[in-house]
Amino acid sequence: MSSVVVLTPLVIASWPVISAAVTAAVASMGFNVAQAAASATPEYERPAAATRQRVEMELDESEILAESRDEKIVVERDGIRATFSRDARGALKLCMEGESVSKSELKRIGEELVNRVTQQFVYHRVVTELKQRGMTIVDEQVSADRTVKIRVRNL
């Protein structure tokens, strides 16, 4: 007997769990962590550039549990800076900045980052739940479109 489960992501976690998902996701896209936690340079302290574009996004259906409001992860790649943080309502927020990059390109890259972070979070949450329920992972496959298929056996 087999079944197929399609998951709709709901991201609710503490900052350490989210930061692990962010770190894993951005590394797979070639980004490097520039700054983490409260050491991130505030936006008002960074020099403004005439060609710098900025796009802000919020991860739908997310809630970062309150611990510290100042925690951030800043990643960079090819002159593009992405800052993950918790907004005032507790949602995961992403601010994309880049020089000589259009807003539409920043938004596209930001959406890809958000999707990868969500996928990493859900993947690790599912695997953890499966192990806690005594199930054995028999096979895992990642297709070209980054769809993940996990075969499990319930003993």
N, C-alpha and C. Protein backbone atom coordinates (compact mmCIF):
# COMPACT_ATOMS: atom_id res chain seq x y z
N MET A 1 0.84 -1.16 0.00
CA MET A 1 0.00 0.00 0.00
C MET A 1 0.89 1.24 0.00
N SER A 2 0.54 2.20 -0.79
CA SER A 2 1.30 3.45 -0.81
C SER A 2 0.35 4.62 -0.84
N SER A 3 0.88 5.76 -0.47
CA SER A 3 0.08 6.98 -0.50
C SER A 3 0.99 8.15 -0.84
N VAL A 4 0.39 9.23 -1.32
CA VAL A 4 1.12 10.44 -1.66
C VAL A 4 0.62 11.54 -0.76
N VAL A 5 1.55 12.28 -0.17
CA VAL A 5 1.21 13.39 0.71
C VAL A 5 1.82 14.65 0.11
N VAL A 6 1.00 15.66 -0.09
CA VAL A 6 1.48 16.95 -0.56
C VAL A 6 1.36 17.92 0.61
N LEU A 7 2.45 18.58 0.94
CA LEU A 7 2.48 19.46 2.10
C LEU A 7 2.32 20.92 1.70
N THR A 8 1.50 21.62 2.46
CA THR A 8 1.39 23.07 2.32
C THR A 8 2.17 23.66 3.49
N PRO A 9 3.21 24.41 3.20
CA PRO A 9 4.08 24.85 4.29
C PRO A 9 3.46 25.91 5.19
N LEU A 10 3.66 25.70 6.46
CA LEU A 10 3.32 26.66 7.50
C LEU A 10 4.57 26.74 8.36
N VAL A 11 5.27 27.85 8.30
CA VAL A 11 6.56 27.97 8.97
C VAL A 11 6.38 28.66 10.31
N ILE A 12 6.46 27.87 11.38
CA ILE A 12 6.40 28.41 12.73
C ILE A 12 7.55 27.76 13.49
N ALA A 13 8.50 28.58 13.91
CA ALA A 13 9.67 28.02 14.59
C ALA A 13 10.41 29.11 15.34
N SER A 14 11.43 28.67 16.07
CA SER A 14 12.30 29.62 16.77
C SER A 14 13.38 30.08 15.80
N TRP A 15 14.07 31.15 16.17
CA TRP A 15 15.10 31.70 15.29
C TRP A 15 16.20 30.69 14.96
N PRO A 16 16.71 29.88 15.92
CA PRO A 16 17.76 28.92 15.55
C PRO A 16 17.33 27.93 14.47
N VAL A 17 16.08 27.49 14.50
CA VAL A 17 15.59 26.57 13.48
C VAL A 17 15.50 27.26 12.13
N ILE A 18 14.99 28.49 12.13
CA ILE A 18 14.89 29.25 10.89
C ILE A 18 16.28 29.56 10.34
N SER A 19 17.21 29.94 11.22
CA SER A 19 18.55 30.28 10.73
C SER A 19 19.24 29.06 10.12
N ALA A 20 18.99 27.86 10.64
CA ALA A 20 19.55 26.65 10.04
C ALA A 20 18.98 26.43 8.64
N ALA A 21 17.68 26.63 8.49
CA ALA A 21 17.05 26.47 7.17
C ALA A 21 17.57 27.52 6.20
N VAL A 22 17.72 28.76 6.67
CA VAL A 22 18.24 29.84 5.81
C VAL A 22 19.66 29.52 5.37
N THR A 23 20.50 29.12 6.30
CA THR A 23 21.90 28.83 5.99
C THR A 23 22.02 27.71 4.96
N ALA A 24 21.25 26.65 5.14
CA ALA A 24 21.30 25.53 4.19
C ALA A 24 20.78 25.95 2.82
N ALA A 25 19.70 26.70 2.79
CA ALA A 25 19.09 27.09 1.52
C ALA A 25 19.97 28.05 0.73
N VAL A 26 20.52 29.05 1.39
CA VAL A 26 21.31 30.05 0.67
C VAL A 26 22.63 29.47 0.18
N ALA A 27 23.19 28.53 0.92
CA ALA A 27 24.43 27.89 0.48
C ALA A 27 24.22 27.14 -0.82
N SER A 28 23.04 26.53 -0.99
CA SER A 28 22.76 25.78 -2.22
C SER A 28 22.59 26.70 -3.43
N MET A 29 22.40 28.01 -3.17
CA MET A 29 22.24 28.98 -4.26
C MET A 29 23.50 29.82 -4.47
N GLY A 30 24.59 29.48 -3.80
CA GLY A 30 25.84 30.19 -4.00
C GLY A 30 26.02 31.45 -3.18
N PHE A 31 25.15 31.69 -2.22
CA PHE A 31 25.29 32.86 -1.34
C PHE A 31 26.24 32.51 -0.20
N ASN A 32 26.91 33.51 0.32
CA ASN A 32 27.78 33.34 1.48
C ASN A 32 27.22 34.17 2.63
N VAL A 33 27.27 33.62 3.84
CA VAL A 33 26.81 34.36 5.00
C VAL A 33 27.80 35.48 5.27
N ALA A 34 27.29 36.72 5.28
CA ALA A 34 28.13 37.88 5.52
C ALA A 34 28.12 38.24 7.00
N GLN A 35 26.93 38.21 7.60
CA GLN A 35 26.78 38.55 9.02
C GLN A 35 25.60 37.77 9.55
N ALA A 36 25.68 37.43 10.82
CA ALA A 36 24.57 36.71 11.44
C ALA A 36 24.23 37.34 12.78
N ALA A 37 23.05 37.03 13.24
CA ALA A 37 22.53 37.47 14.54
C ALA A 37 22.51 38.98 14.68
N ALA A 38 22.68 39.46 15.88
CA ALA A 38 22.53 40.88 16.15
C ALA A 38 23.70 41.71 15.66
N SER A 39 24.75 41.06 15.13
CA SER A 39 25.92 41.80 14.66
C SER A 39 25.72 42.41 13.28
N ALA A 40 24.61 42.12 12.65
CA ALA A 40 24.37 42.65 11.30
C ALA A 40 24.35 44.17 11.32
N THR A 41 24.97 44.76 10.31
CA THR A 41 25.03 46.22 10.23
C THR A 41 23.65 46.78 9.93
N PRO A 42 23.15 47.68 10.77
CA PRO A 42 21.84 48.27 10.50
C PRO A 42 21.85 49.01 9.16
N GLU A 43 20.68 49.01 8.50
CA GLU A 43 20.58 49.64 7.19
C GLU A 43 21.00 51.10 7.20
N TYR A 44 20.66 51.83 8.26
CA TYR A 44 20.96 53.25 8.31
C TYR A 44 22.46 53.52 8.46
N GLU A 45 23.26 52.50 8.80
CA GLU A 45 24.71 52.69 8.94
C GLU A 45 25.46 52.36 7.66
N ARG A 46 24.79 51.73 6.68
CA ARG A 46 25.44 51.39 5.43
C ARG A 46 25.40 52.56 4.47
N PRO A 47 26.46 52.77 3.70
CA PRO A 47 26.44 53.88 2.75
C PRO A 47 25.40 53.66 1.66
N ALA A 48 24.73 54.72 1.28
CA ALA A 48 23.71 54.63 0.21
C ALA A 48 24.42 54.74 -1.13
N ALA A 49 23.96 53.98 -2.09
CA ALA A 49 24.52 54.04 -3.44
C ALA A 49 23.42 54.52 -4.38
N ALA A 50 23.81 55.29 -5.37
CA ALA A 50 22.83 55.86 -6.29
C ALA A 50 22.12 54.79 -7.10
N THR A 51 22.79 53.68 -7.38
CA THR A 51 22.19 52.65 -8.22
C THR A 51 21.63 51.48 -7.40
N ARG A 52 21.61 51.59 -6.09
CA ARG A 52 21.13 50.50 -5.24
C ARG A 52 19.61 50.40 -5.33
N GLN A 53 19.14 49.20 -5.61
CA GLN A 53 17.71 48.90 -5.62
C GLN A 53 17.40 48.09 -4.37
N ARG A 54 16.15 48.17 -3.93
CA ARG A 54 15.75 47.48 -2.70
C ARG A 54 14.34 46.92 -2.87
N VAL A 55 14.16 45.67 -2.43
CA VAL A 55 12.86 45.01 -2.46
C VAL A 55 12.68 44.30 -1.13
N GLU A 56 11.52 44.47 -0.51
CA GLU A 56 11.21 43.76 0.73
C GLU A 56 10.10 42.77 0.49
N MET A 57 10.23 41.59 1.13
CA MET A 57 9.25 40.52 0.98
C MET A 57 8.99 39.91 2.35
N GLU A 58 7.83 39.30 2.48
CA GLU A 58 7.48 38.61 3.71
C GLU A 58 7.10 37.19 3.34
N LEU A 59 7.55 36.24 4.14
CA LEU A 59 7.21 34.85 3.91
C LEU A 59 5.80 34.61 4.44
N ASP A 60 4.87 34.33 3.51
CA ASP A 60 3.49 34.06 3.91
C ASP A 60 3.43 32.85 4.83
N GLU A 61 2.47 32.86 5.72
CA GLU A 61 2.25 31.74 6.64
C GLU A 61 3.49 31.42 7.46
N SER A 62 4.16 32.46 7.95
CA SER A 62 5.34 32.23 8.79
C SER A 62 5.17 32.97 10.11
N GLU A 63 5.80 32.40 11.12
CA GLU A 63 5.85 33.06 12.42
C GLU A 63 7.13 32.64 13.11
N ILE A 64 7.95 33.62 13.43
CA ILE A 64 9.18 33.36 14.15
C ILE A 64 8.89 33.65 15.61
N LEU A 65 9.08 32.66 16.44
CA LEU A 65 8.76 32.81 17.84
C LEU A 65 9.66 33.85 18.48
N ALA A 66 9.08 34.69 19.31
CA ALA A 66 9.81 35.83 19.90
C ALA A 66 10.88 35.35 20.86
N GLU A 67 12.09 35.75 20.58
CA GLU A 67 13.23 35.54 21.46
C GLU A 67 13.98 36.85 21.54
N SER A 68 14.43 37.29 20.38
CA SER A 68 15.10 38.57 20.27
C SER A 68 14.70 39.17 18.94
N ARG A 69 14.30 40.41 18.93
CA ARG A 69 13.85 41.04 17.70
C ARG A 69 14.99 41.51 16.82
N ASP A 70 16.21 41.51 17.33
CA ASP A 70 17.33 42.06 16.58
C ASP A 70 18.11 41.03 15.77
N GLU A 71 17.67 39.79 15.75
CA GLU A 71 18.44 38.77 15.05
C GLU A 71 18.21 38.86 13.55
N LYS A 72 19.32 38.75 12.81
CA LYS A 72 19.29 38.83 11.35
C LYS A 72 20.35 37.90 10.78
N ILE A 73 20.12 37.50 9.55
CA ILE A 73 21.14 36.80 8.78
C ILE A 73 21.29 37.56 7.48
N VAL A 74 22.51 37.96 7.18
CA VAL A 74 22.81 38.70 5.96
C VAL A 74 23.68 37.81 5.08
N VAL A 75 23.23 37.60 3.83
CA VAL A 75 23.98 36.79 2.88
C VAL A 75 24.23 37.61 1.62
N GLU A 76 25.32 37.28 0.91
CA GLU A 76 25.68 38.04 -0.28
C GLU A 76 26.13 37.12 -1.40
N ARG A 77 25.90 37.59 -2.63
CA ARG A 77 26.38 36.91 -3.82
C ARG A 77 26.40 37.92 -4.96
N ASP A 78 27.52 38.08 -5.61
CA ASP A 78 27.65 38.93 -6.81
C ASP A 78 27.03 40.32 -6.63
N GLY A 79 27.32 40.98 -5.52
CA GLY A 79 26.82 42.33 -5.29
C GLY A 79 25.37 42.41 -4.83
N ILE A 80 24.75 41.26 -4.59
CA ILE A 80 23.37 41.23 -4.11
C ILE A 80 23.41 40.83 -2.64
N ARG A 81 22.71 41.59 -1.83
CA ARG A 81 22.65 41.35 -0.38
C ARG A 81 21.23 40.99 0.00
N ALA A 82 21.08 39.89 0.73
CA ALA A 82 19.77 39.46 1.23
C ALA A 82 19.83 39.42 2.74
N THR A 83 18.87 40.09 3.38
CA THR A 83 18.82 40.14 4.84
C THR A 83 17.53 39.48 5.32
N PHE A 84 17.67 38.39 6.06
CA PHE A 84 16.54 37.70 6.65
C PHE A 84 16.39 38.20 8.08
N SER A 85 15.16 38.55 8.46
CA SER A 85 14.91 39.03 9.81
C SER A 85 13.47 38.73 10.20
N ARG A 86 13.14 39.07 11.41
CA ARG A 86 11.78 38.92 11.94
C ARG A 86 11.14 40.30 11.96
N ASP A 87 9.96 40.44 11.33
CA ASP A 87 9.32 41.75 11.34
C ASP A 87 8.56 41.96 12.65
N ALA A 88 7.93 43.12 12.79
CA ALA A 88 7.25 43.49 14.03
C ALA A 88 6.12 42.53 14.39
N ARG A 89 5.50 41.92 13.39
CA ARG A 89 4.40 40.99 13.66
C ARG A 89 4.90 39.56 13.90
N GLY A 90 6.19 39.32 13.69
CA GLY A 90 6.75 38.00 13.94
C GLY A 90 6.95 37.17 12.69
N ALA A 91 6.65 37.70 11.52
CA ALA A 91 6.82 36.95 10.28
C ALA A 91 8.27 37.03 9.80
N LEU A 92 8.69 36.05 9.02
CA LEU A 92 10.01 36.06 8.42
C LEU A 92 10.01 37.06 7.27
N LYS A 93 10.94 37.99 7.31
CA LYS A 93 11.02 39.06 6.32
C LYS A 93 12.35 38.94 5.58
N LEU A 94 12.32 39.26 4.29
CA LEU A 94 13.53 39.24 3.46
C LEU A 94 13.66 40.59 2.78
N CYS A 95 14.81 41.21 2.93
CA CYS A 95 15.11 42.46 2.25
C CYS A 95 16.23 42.19 1.26
N MET A 96 15.95 42.44 -0.02
CA MET A 96 16.93 42.22 -1.09
C MET A 96 17.48 43.58 -1.52
N GLU A 97 18.80 43.68 -1.65
CA GLU A 97 19.44 44.91 -2.11
C GLU A 97 20.51 44.55 -3.13
N GLY A 98 20.66 45.41 -4.11
CA GLY A 98 21.71 45.18 -5.09
C GLY A 98 21.97 46.42 -5.90
N GLU A 99 23.22 46.57 -6.29
CA GLU A 99 23.60 47.68 -7.15
C GLU A 99 23.59 47.20 -8.59
N SER A 100 23.10 48.03 -9.48
CA SER A 100 23.02 47.71 -10.91
C SER A 100 22.19 46.47 -11.18
N VAL A 101 21.18 46.23 -10.34
CA VAL A 101 20.26 45.11 -10.51
C VAL A 101 18.85 45.68 -10.45
N SER A 102 17.99 45.24 -11.33
CA SER A 102 16.62 45.76 -11.36
C SER A 102 15.81 45.21 -10.18
N LYS A 103 14.75 45.93 -9.84
CA LYS A 103 13.87 45.48 -8.77
C LYS A 103 13.21 44.15 -9.12
N SER A 104 12.87 43.97 -10.39
CA SER A 104 12.23 42.71 -10.79
C SER A 104 13.20 41.53 -10.64
N GLU A 105 14.47 41.75 -10.93
CA GLU A 105 15.47 40.69 -10.76
C GLU A 105 15.68 40.40 -9.27
N LEU A 106 15.73 41.44 -8.45
CA LEU A 106 15.85 41.24 -7.01
C LEU A 106 14.65 40.47 -6.47
N LYS A 107 13.47 40.80 -6.95
CA LYS A 107 12.26 40.11 -6.51
C LYS A 107 12.30 38.64 -6.92
N ARG A 108 12.75 38.37 -8.13
CA ARG A 108 12.84 36.98 -8.61
C ARG A 108 13.81 36.17 -7.75
N ILE A 109 14.97 36.74 -7.48
CA ILE A 109 15.97 36.05 -6.65
C ILE A 109 15.43 35.88 -5.23
N GLY A 110 14.77 36.92 -4.71
CA GLY A 110 14.19 36.85 -3.37
C GLY A 110 13.13 35.76 -3.26
N GLU A 111 12.28 35.65 -4.27
CA GLU A 111 11.25 34.60 -4.26
C GLU A 111 11.89 33.22 -4.29
N GLU A 112 12.97 33.07 -5.06
CA GLU A 112 13.67 31.79 -5.11
C GLU A 112 14.29 31.48 -3.74
N LEU A 113 14.87 32.48 -3.10
CA LEU A 113 15.43 32.29 -1.76
C LEU A 113 14.35 31.87 -0.76
N VAL A 114 13.23 32.58 -0.77
CA VAL A 114 12.13 32.27 0.15
C VAL A 114 11.62 30.85 -0.10
N ASN A 115 11.49 30.46 -1.36
CA ASN A 115 11.03 29.11 -1.68
C ASN A 115 12.01 28.05 -1.19
N ARG A 116 13.30 28.30 -1.36
CA ARG A 116 14.31 27.33 -0.89
C ARG A 116 14.33 27.24 0.63
N VAL A 117 14.20 28.37 1.32
CA VAL A 117 14.17 28.36 2.78
C VAL A 117 12.95 27.57 3.25
N THR A 118 11.80 27.81 2.65
CA THR A 118 10.58 27.09 3.01
C THR A 118 10.76 25.59 2.78
N GLN A 119 11.34 25.23 1.64
CA GLN A 119 11.55 23.82 1.34
C GLN A 119 12.49 23.17 2.35
N GLN A 120 13.58 23.84 2.70
CA GLN A 120 14.52 23.31 3.69
C GLN A 120 13.83 23.11 5.04
N PHE A 121 13.06 24.12 5.46
CA PHE A 121 12.37 24.04 6.73
C PHE A 121 11.41 22.86 6.74
N VAL A 122 10.58 22.75 5.72
CA VAL A 122 9.58 21.67 5.66
C VAL A 122 10.26 20.31 5.58
N TYR A 123 11.31 20.19 4.78
CA TYR A 123 12.03 18.92 4.64
C TYR A 123 12.54 18.45 6.00
N HIS A 124 13.24 19.32 6.71
CA HIS A 124 13.79 18.92 8.00
C HIS A 124 12.70 18.64 9.03
N ARG A 125 11.61 19.37 8.96
CA ARG A 125 10.48 19.13 9.87
C ARG A 125 9.85 17.76 9.59
N VAL A 126 9.66 17.42 8.32
CA VAL A 126 9.06 16.13 7.95
C VAL A 126 9.97 14.99 8.37
N VAL A 127 11.26 15.10 8.07
CA VAL A 127 12.20 14.03 8.42
C VAL A 127 12.25 13.84 9.94
N THR A 128 12.25 14.91 10.69
CA THR A 128 12.25 14.83 12.15
C THR A 128 10.99 14.13 12.66
N GLU A 129 9.83 14.51 12.12
CA GLU A 129 8.57 13.89 12.53
C GLU A 129 8.54 12.40 12.18
N LEU A 130 9.03 12.05 11.00
CA LEU A 130 9.05 10.64 10.60
C LEU A 130 9.89 9.82 11.58
N LYS A 131 11.05 10.33 11.93
CA LYS A 131 11.93 9.62 12.86
C LYS A 131 11.30 9.51 14.24
N GLN A 132 10.65 10.58 14.69
CA GLN A 132 10.01 10.55 16.01
C GLN A 132 8.87 9.55 16.06
N ARG A 133 8.25 9.28 14.93
CA ARG A 133 7.13 8.33 14.87
C ARG A 133 7.59 6.91 14.53
N GLY A 134 8.91 6.71 14.52
CA GLY A 134 9.45 5.37 14.31
C GLY A 134 9.43 4.88 12.87
N MET A 135 9.31 5.77 11.93
CA MET A 135 9.31 5.37 10.52
C MET A 135 10.73 5.41 9.97
N THR A 136 10.97 4.53 9.01
CA THR A 136 12.29 4.44 8.38
C THR A 136 12.23 5.03 6.99
N ILE A 137 13.18 5.90 6.68
CA ILE A 137 13.25 6.46 5.32
C ILE A 137 13.95 5.42 4.45
N VAL A 138 13.24 4.96 3.43
CA VAL A 138 13.75 3.93 2.53
C VAL A 138 14.49 4.55 1.35
N ASP A 139 13.96 5.66 0.83
CA ASP A 139 14.55 6.27 -0.36
C ASP A 139 14.18 7.75 -0.41
N GLU A 140 15.09 8.55 -0.93
CA GLU A 140 14.83 9.97 -1.17
C GLU A 140 15.28 10.31 -2.58
N GLN A 141 14.48 11.10 -3.26
CA GLN A 141 14.84 11.54 -4.61
C GLN A 141 14.54 13.03 -4.74
N VAL A 142 15.46 13.74 -5.41
CA VAL A 142 15.24 15.14 -5.71
C VAL A 142 15.24 15.26 -7.23
N SER A 143 14.13 15.69 -7.80
CA SER A 143 14.01 15.80 -9.24
C SER A 143 14.62 17.11 -9.74
N ALA A 144 14.69 17.26 -11.04
CA ALA A 144 15.28 18.45 -11.65
C ALA A 144 14.57 19.74 -11.23
N ASP A 145 13.26 19.66 -10.98
CA ASP A 145 12.52 20.85 -10.55
C ASP A 145 12.56 21.04 -9.03
N ARG A 146 13.46 20.31 -8.36
CA ARG A 146 13.71 20.39 -6.91
C ARG A 146 12.57 19.80 -6.08
N THR A 147 11.68 19.01 -6.69
CA THR A 147 10.66 18.29 -5.95
C THR A 147 11.34 17.16 -5.18
N VAL A 148 10.99 17.02 -3.92
CA VAL A 148 11.59 16.00 -3.08
C VAL A 148 10.57 14.89 -2.85
N LYS A 149 10.99 13.65 -3.11
CA LYS A 149 10.14 12.48 -2.86
C LYS A 149 10.83 11.63 -1.82
N ILE A 150 10.10 11.30 -0.77
CA ILE A 150 10.64 10.50 0.33
C ILE A 150 9.77 9.25 0.46
N ARG A 151 10.41 8.10 0.37
CA ARG A 151 9.70 6.82 0.60
C ARG A 151 10.02 6.38 2.02
N VAL A 152 8.97 6.03 2.76
CA VAL A 152 9.16 5.61 4.14
C VAL A 152 8.49 4.26 4.38
N ARG A 153 8.95 3.60 5.43
CA ARG A 153 8.36 2.32 5.84
C ARG A 153 7.98 2.48 7.30
N ASN A 154 6.74 2.11 7.59
CA ASN A 154 6.25 2.15 8.96
C ASN A 154 6.36 0.74 9.54
N LEU A 155 7.19 0.60 10.54
CA LEU A 155 7.41 -0.74 11.12
C LEU A 155 6.43 -1.07 12.18
